[in-house]
Amino acid sequence: MVMMEGHIVTTSIRLLFCFVSTVIEFMFGI
């Protein structure tokens, strides 16, 4: 159970990092 929660947290962090990177690239693109 603990490992599963850790996996979910890691996945959420990766998705958040990808989202932030996309927003930054979009802002600098303008």
PDB file of N, CA and C in Angstrom:
ATOM      1  N   MET A   1       0.843  -1.204   0.000  1.00  0.00           N
ATOM      2  CA  MET A   1       0.000   0.000   0.000  1.00  0.00           C
ATOM      3  C   MET A   1       0.871   1.244   0.000  1.00  0.00           C
ATOM      4  N   VAL A   2       1.894   1.215   0.827  1.00  0.00           N
ATOM      5  CA  VAL A   2       2.784   2.382   0.894  1.00  0.00           C
ATOM      6  C   VAL A   2       3.499   2.590  -0.442  1.00  0.00           C
ATOM      7  N   MET A   3       3.963   1.474  -1.039  1.00  0.00           N
ATOM      8  CA  MET A   3       4.672   1.577  -2.316  1.00  0.00           C
ATOM      9  C   MET A   3       3.734   2.108  -3.401  1.00  0.00           C
ATOM     10  N   MET A   4       2.467   1.674  -3.356  1.00  0.00           N
ATOM     11  CA  MET A   4       1.503   2.135  -4.354  1.00  0.00           C
ATOM     12  C   MET A   4       1.296   3.634  -4.228  1.00  0.00           C
ATOM     13  N   GLU A   5       1.172   4.119  -2.989  1.00  0.00           N
ATOM     14  CA  GLU A   5       0.972   5.556  -2.777  1.00  0.00           C
ATOM     15  C   GLU A   5       2.205   6.319  -3.263  1.00  0.00           C
ATOM     16  N   GLY A   6       3.385   5.759  -2.988  1.00  0.00           N
ATOM     17  CA  GLY A   6       4.622   6.410  -3.431  1.00  0.00           C
ATOM     18  C   GLY A   6       4.668   6.494  -4.950  1.00  0.00           C
ATOM     19  N   HIS A   7       4.192   5.427  -5.612  1.00  0.00           N
ATOM     20  CA  HIS A   7       4.186   5.408  -7.078  1.00  0.00           C
ATOM     21  C   HIS A   7       3.255   6.492  -7.611  1.00  0.00           C
ATOM     22  N   ILE A   8       2.098   6.653  -6.968  1.00  0.00           N
ATOM     23  CA  ILE A   8       1.131   7.666  -7.396  1.00  0.00           C
ATOM     24  C   ILE A   8       1.735   9.069  -7.221  1.00  0.00           C
ATOM     25  N   VAL A   9       2.415   9.274  -6.103  1.00  0.00           N
ATOM     26  CA  VAL A   9       3.031  10.584  -5.852  1.00  0.00           C
ATOM     27  C   VAL A   9       4.093  10.873  -6.904  1.00  0.00           C
ATOM     28  N   THR A  10       4.913   9.858  -7.209  1.00  0.00           N
ATOM     29  CA  THR A  10       5.972  10.051  -8.217  1.00  0.00           C
ATOM     30  C   THR A  10       5.362  10.383  -9.570  1.00  0.00           C
ATOM     31  N   THR A  11       4.302   9.677  -9.927  1.00  0.00           N
ATOM     32  CA  THR A  11       3.646   9.933 -11.212  1.00  0.00           C
ATOM     33  C   THR A  11       3.061  11.338 -11.243  1.00  0.00           C
ATOM     34  N   SER A  12       2.455  11.768 -10.137  1.00  0.00           N
ATOM     35  CA  SER A  12       1.863  13.103 -10.069  1.00  0.00           C
ATOM     36  C   SER A  12       2.943  14.167 -10.229  1.00  0.00           C
ATOM     37  N   ILE A  13       4.100  13.942  -9.589  1.00  0.00           N
ATOM     38  CA  ILE A  13       5.194  14.915  -9.693  1.00  0.00           C
ATOM     39  C   ILE A  13       5.684  14.995 -11.134  1.00  0.00           C
ATOM     40  N   ARG A  14       5.789  13.846 -11.790  1.00  0.00           N
ATOM     41  CA  ARG A  14       6.260  13.842 -13.191  1.00  0.00           C
ATOM     42  C   ARG A  14       5.269  14.583 -14.085  1.00  0.00           C
ATOM     43  N   LEU A  15       3.968  14.326 -13.879  1.00  0.00           N
ATOM     44  CA  LEU A  15       2.953  15.001 -14.695  1.00  0.00           C
ATOM     45  C   LEU A  15       2.993  16.506 -14.437  1.00  0.00           C
ATOM     46  N   LEU A  16       3.158  16.902 -13.165  1.00  0.00           N
ATOM     47  CA  LEU A  16       3.213  18.319 -12.820  1.00  0.00           C
ATOM     48  C   LEU A  16       4.438  18.960 -13.461  1.00  0.00           C
ATOM     49  N   PHE A  17       5.591  18.273 -13.425  1.00  0.00           N
ATOM     50  CA  PHE A  17       6.821  18.798 -14.012  1.00  0.00           C
ATOM     51  C   PHE A  17       6.647  18.986 -15.521  1.00  0.00           C
ATOM     52  N   CYS A  18       6.015  17.995 -16.182  1.00  0.00           N
ATOM     53  CA  CYS A  18       5.782  18.094 -17.633  1.00  0.00           C
ATOM     54  C   CYS A  18       4.859  19.266 -17.936  1.00  0.00           C
ATOM     55  N   PHE A  19       3.827  19.461 -17.112  1.00  0.00           N
ATOM     56  CA  PHE A  19       2.876  20.549 -17.321  1.00  0.00           C
ATOM     57  C   PHE A  19       3.571  21.901 -17.165  1.00  0.00           C
ATOM     58  N   VAL A  20       4.387  22.037 -16.112  1.00  0.00           N
ATOM     59  CA  VAL A  20       5.104  23.292 -15.868  1.00  0.00           C
ATOM     60  C   VAL A  20       6.079  23.566 -17.011  1.00  0.00           C
ATOM     61  N   SER A  21       6.777  22.532 -17.479  1.00  0.00           N
ATOM     62  CA  SER A  21       7.745  22.699 -18.575  1.00  0.00           C
ATOM     63  C   SER A  21       7.023  23.184 -19.833  1.00  0.00           C
ATOM     64  N   THR A  22       5.851  22.603 -20.095  1.00  0.00           N
ATOM     65  CA  THR A  22       5.082  23.006 -21.282  1.00  0.00           C
ATOM     66  C   THR A  22       4.654  24.466 -21.176  1.00  0.00           C
ATOM     67  N   VAL A  23       4.203  24.873 -20.004  1.00  0.00           N
ATOM     68  CA  VAL A  23       3.764  26.261 -19.797  1.00  0.00           C
ATOM     69  C   VAL A  23       4.946  27.211 -19.979  1.00  0.00           C
ATOM     70  N   ILE A  24       6.099  26.866 -19.426  1.00  0.00           N
ATOM     71  CA  ILE A  24       7.287  27.731 -19.549  1.00  0.00           C
ATOM     72  C   ILE A  24       7.697  27.864 -21.014  1.00  0.00           C
ATOM     73  N   GLU A  25       7.711  26.737 -21.734  1.00  0.00           N
ATOM     74  CA  GLU A  25       8.087  26.782 -23.150  1.00  0.00           C
ATOM     75  C   GLU A  25       7.085  27.627 -23.927  1.00  0.00           C
ATOM     76  N   PHE A  26       5.798  27.529 -23.579  1.00  0.00           N
ATOM     77  CA  PHE A  26       4.755  28.300 -24.260  1.00  0.00           C
ATOM     78  C   PHE A  26       4.942  29.796 -24.003  1.00  0.00           C
ATOM     79  N   MET A  27       5.278  30.154 -22.758  1.00  0.00           N
ATOM     80  CA  MET A  27       5.471  31.559 -22.401  1.00  0.00           C
ATOM     81  C   MET A  27       6.693  32.137 -23.121  1.00  0.00           C
ATOM     82  N   PHE A  28       7.810  31.393 -23.113  1.00  0.00           N
ATOM     83  CA  PHE A  28       9.022  31.883 -23.785  1.00  0.00           C
ATOM     84  C   PHE A  28       8.841  31.866 -25.295  1.00  0.00           C
ATOM     85  N   GLY A  29       7.954  30.977 -25.766  1.00  0.00           N
ATOM     86  CA  GLY A  29       7.698  30.896 -27.207  1.00  0.00           C
ATOM     87  C   GLY A  29       7.059  32.178 -27.708  1.00  0.00           C
ATOM     88  N   ILE A  30       6.233  32.807 -26.856  1.00  0.00           N
ATOM     89  CA  ILE A  30       5.568  34.045 -27.232  1.00  0.00           C
ATOM     90  C   ILE A  30       6.592  35.175 -27.164  1.00  0.00           C
TER      91      ILE A  30
END
